[in-house]
Protein backbone atom coordinates (compact mmCIF):
# COMPACT_ATOMS: atom_id res chain seq x y z
CA MET A 1 -20.41 2.20 -9.14
CA THR A 2 -18.66 1.91 -5.79
CA GLN A 3 -18.53 -1.46 -4.09
CA HIS A 4 -17.85 -1.33 -0.35
CA THR A 5 -17.67 -5.01 0.37
CA ASP A 6 -14.92 -6.42 2.55
CA LEU A 7 -12.76 -8.78 0.55
CA THR A 8 -10.34 -11.45 1.58
CA SER A 9 -6.83 -10.89 0.29
CA ASP A 10 -7.15 -13.71 -2.24
CA LEU A 11 -9.86 -11.69 -4.03
CA LEU A 12 -7.59 -8.67 -4.49
CA PRO A 13 -5.81 -8.19 -7.80
CA THR A 14 -2.54 -10.15 -7.94
CA THR A 15 -0.59 -6.90 -8.33
CA VAL A 16 -2.01 -5.49 -5.08
CA ARG A 17 -1.50 -8.76 -3.17
CA GLU A 18 2.06 -9.24 -4.33
CA PHE A 19 3.01 -5.59 -3.86
CA LEU A 20 1.76 -5.70 -0.26
CA ALA A 21 3.48 -9.02 0.44
CA ALA A 22 6.80 -7.56 -0.72
CA HIS A 23 6.25 -4.21 1.01
CA ILE A 24 5.41 -5.85 4.35
CA VAL A 25 8.69 -7.80 4.36
CA ARG A 26 10.53 -4.65 3.18
CA ASP A 27 11.55 -6.11 -0.18
CA ALA A 28 11.70 -2.80 -2.05
CA ASP A 29 13.05 -4.34 -5.27
CA THR A 30 10.09 -6.69 -5.62
CA ALA A 31 7.55 -4.08 -4.44
CA SER A 32 8.92 -1.59 -6.98
CA SER A 33 8.47 -4.11 -9.78
CA PHE A 34 4.70 -3.76 -9.34
CA LEU A 35 4.80 0.02 -9.93
CA THR A 36 4.52 1.82 -13.25
CA GLU A 37 7.61 3.80 -14.28
CA ASP A 38 5.76 7.04 -13.49
CA ALA A 39 4.04 5.80 -10.32
CA VAL A 40 3.10 8.28 -7.60
CA VAL A 41 3.24 7.25 -3.94
CA VAL A 42 1.86 9.56 -1.25
CA ASP A 43 2.54 8.85 2.43
CA GLN A 44 1.93 11.27 5.30
CA ASP A 45 1.50 14.15 2.85
CA GLU A 46 4.87 13.41 1.23
CA THR A 47 4.80 12.63 -2.49
CA PHE A 48 7.25 10.41 -4.36
CA ARG A 49 7.17 10.31 -8.17
CA GLY A 50 8.62 7.67 -10.47
CA ARG A 51 10.66 4.63 -9.53
CA GLU A 52 13.72 6.75 -8.78
CA GLU A 53 11.89 8.35 -5.83
CA THR A 54 9.49 5.56 -4.87
CA HIS A 55 12.13 2.82 -4.53
CA PRO A 56 14.06 4.56 -1.71
CA PHE A 57 10.76 5.33 0.02
CA LEU A 58 9.71 1.66 -0.15
CA ARG A 59 13.14 0.58 1.08
CA ASP A 60 13.34 3.00 4.01
CA ALA A 61 9.75 3.66 5.16
CA GLY A 62 9.35 2.64 8.78
CA SER A 63 12.78 0.98 8.89
CA GLU A 64 13.61 2.69 12.17
CA PHE A 65 10.78 0.82 13.89
CA GLU A 66 9.80 -2.76 14.56
CA TYR A 67 6.17 -3.60 13.88
CA THR A 68 3.72 -6.24 12.77
CA THR A 69 1.23 -5.80 9.96
CA GLU A 70 -2.24 -7.34 9.64
CA GLN A 71 -4.77 -6.82 6.87
CA ILE A 72 -8.07 -5.88 8.52
CA GLY A 73 -10.09 -4.85 5.49
CA ALA A 74 -10.16 -4.54 1.73
CA ARG A 75 -12.61 -3.27 -0.84
CA ARG A 76 -12.95 -2.64 -4.51
CA VAL A 77 -13.91 0.92 -5.37
CA ASP A 78 -14.17 0.34 -9.13
CA GLU A 79 -12.36 -1.51 -11.92
CA THR A 80 -9.01 0.17 -11.23
CA HIS A 81 -9.22 1.37 -7.60
CA TRP A 82 -8.81 -0.76 -4.49
CA VAL A 83 -8.40 0.04 -0.79
CA VAL A 84 -6.63 -2.26 1.67
CA THR A 85 -6.66 -1.41 5.37
CA LEU A 86 -3.66 -2.55 7.39
CA ARG A 87 -3.23 -2.48 11.16
CA LEU A 88 0.35 -1.87 12.30
CA GLU A 89 1.47 -2.48 15.88
CA GLY A 90 4.99 -1.70 16.99
CA THR A 91 7.61 0.59 18.43
CA PHE A 92 6.57 3.74 16.54
CA PRO A 93 4.92 6.68 18.36
CA GLY A 94 1.41 5.67 19.40
CA GLY A 95 2.18 1.98 18.97
CA VAL A 96 -0.88 1.22 16.79
CA ALA A 97 -1.98 2.60 13.44
CA GLU A 98 -4.68 1.66 10.98
CA LEU A 99 -3.76 2.76 7.48
CA ASP A 100 -5.63 2.70 4.20
CA TYR A 101 -3.52 1.80 1.18
CA ARG A 102 -5.46 3.28 -1.75
CA PHE A 103 -4.34 1.74 -5.04
CA ALA A 104 -4.97 2.98 -8.56
CA LEU A 105 -4.00 0.39 -11.18
CA ARG A 106 -3.04 0.93 -14.80
CA ASP A 107 -2.10 -1.81 -17.26
CA GLY A 108 -1.82 -4.35 -14.43
CA LEU A 109 0.56 -2.24 -12.33
CA VAL A 110 0.21 0.27 -9.49
CA ALA A 111 0.09 3.77 -10.97
CA GLU A 112 -0.76 5.51 -7.69
CA LEU A 113 -0.67 4.55 -4.04
CA VAL A 114 -1.92 6.82 -1.29
CA ILE A 115 -1.21 5.71 2.27
CA ALA A 116 -3.36 7.54 4.83
CA ASN A 117 -4.92 7.08 8.24
CA HIS A 118 -7.92 4.77 8.03
CA SER A 119 -11.21 6.58 7.72
CA ALA A 120 -13.97 4.59 9.38
């Protein structure tokens, strides 16, 4: 059963909260520690598989821009799937983006993360 309630960040799974906290400050080592060995990360239709590919992505994504990040929404889809919506404002083209971070968890870690434009 899908639950579409907005959640505060403290109600998200610890793995999701701590991954996002590390990712936002561009701490790829810590963010990677919350991924399974075979994790899949998809961003802008580009797919990264396993820690060998996902770590450089987490380290370098958006590094050419300056921006702020604010959580504007979160919801639980089911026991293992969560969506967090972040608003980014900065020096990238367009200056503002709202992105959904769609997490699939397995054994307490992130097995899949899909980053896509927010769908209202």
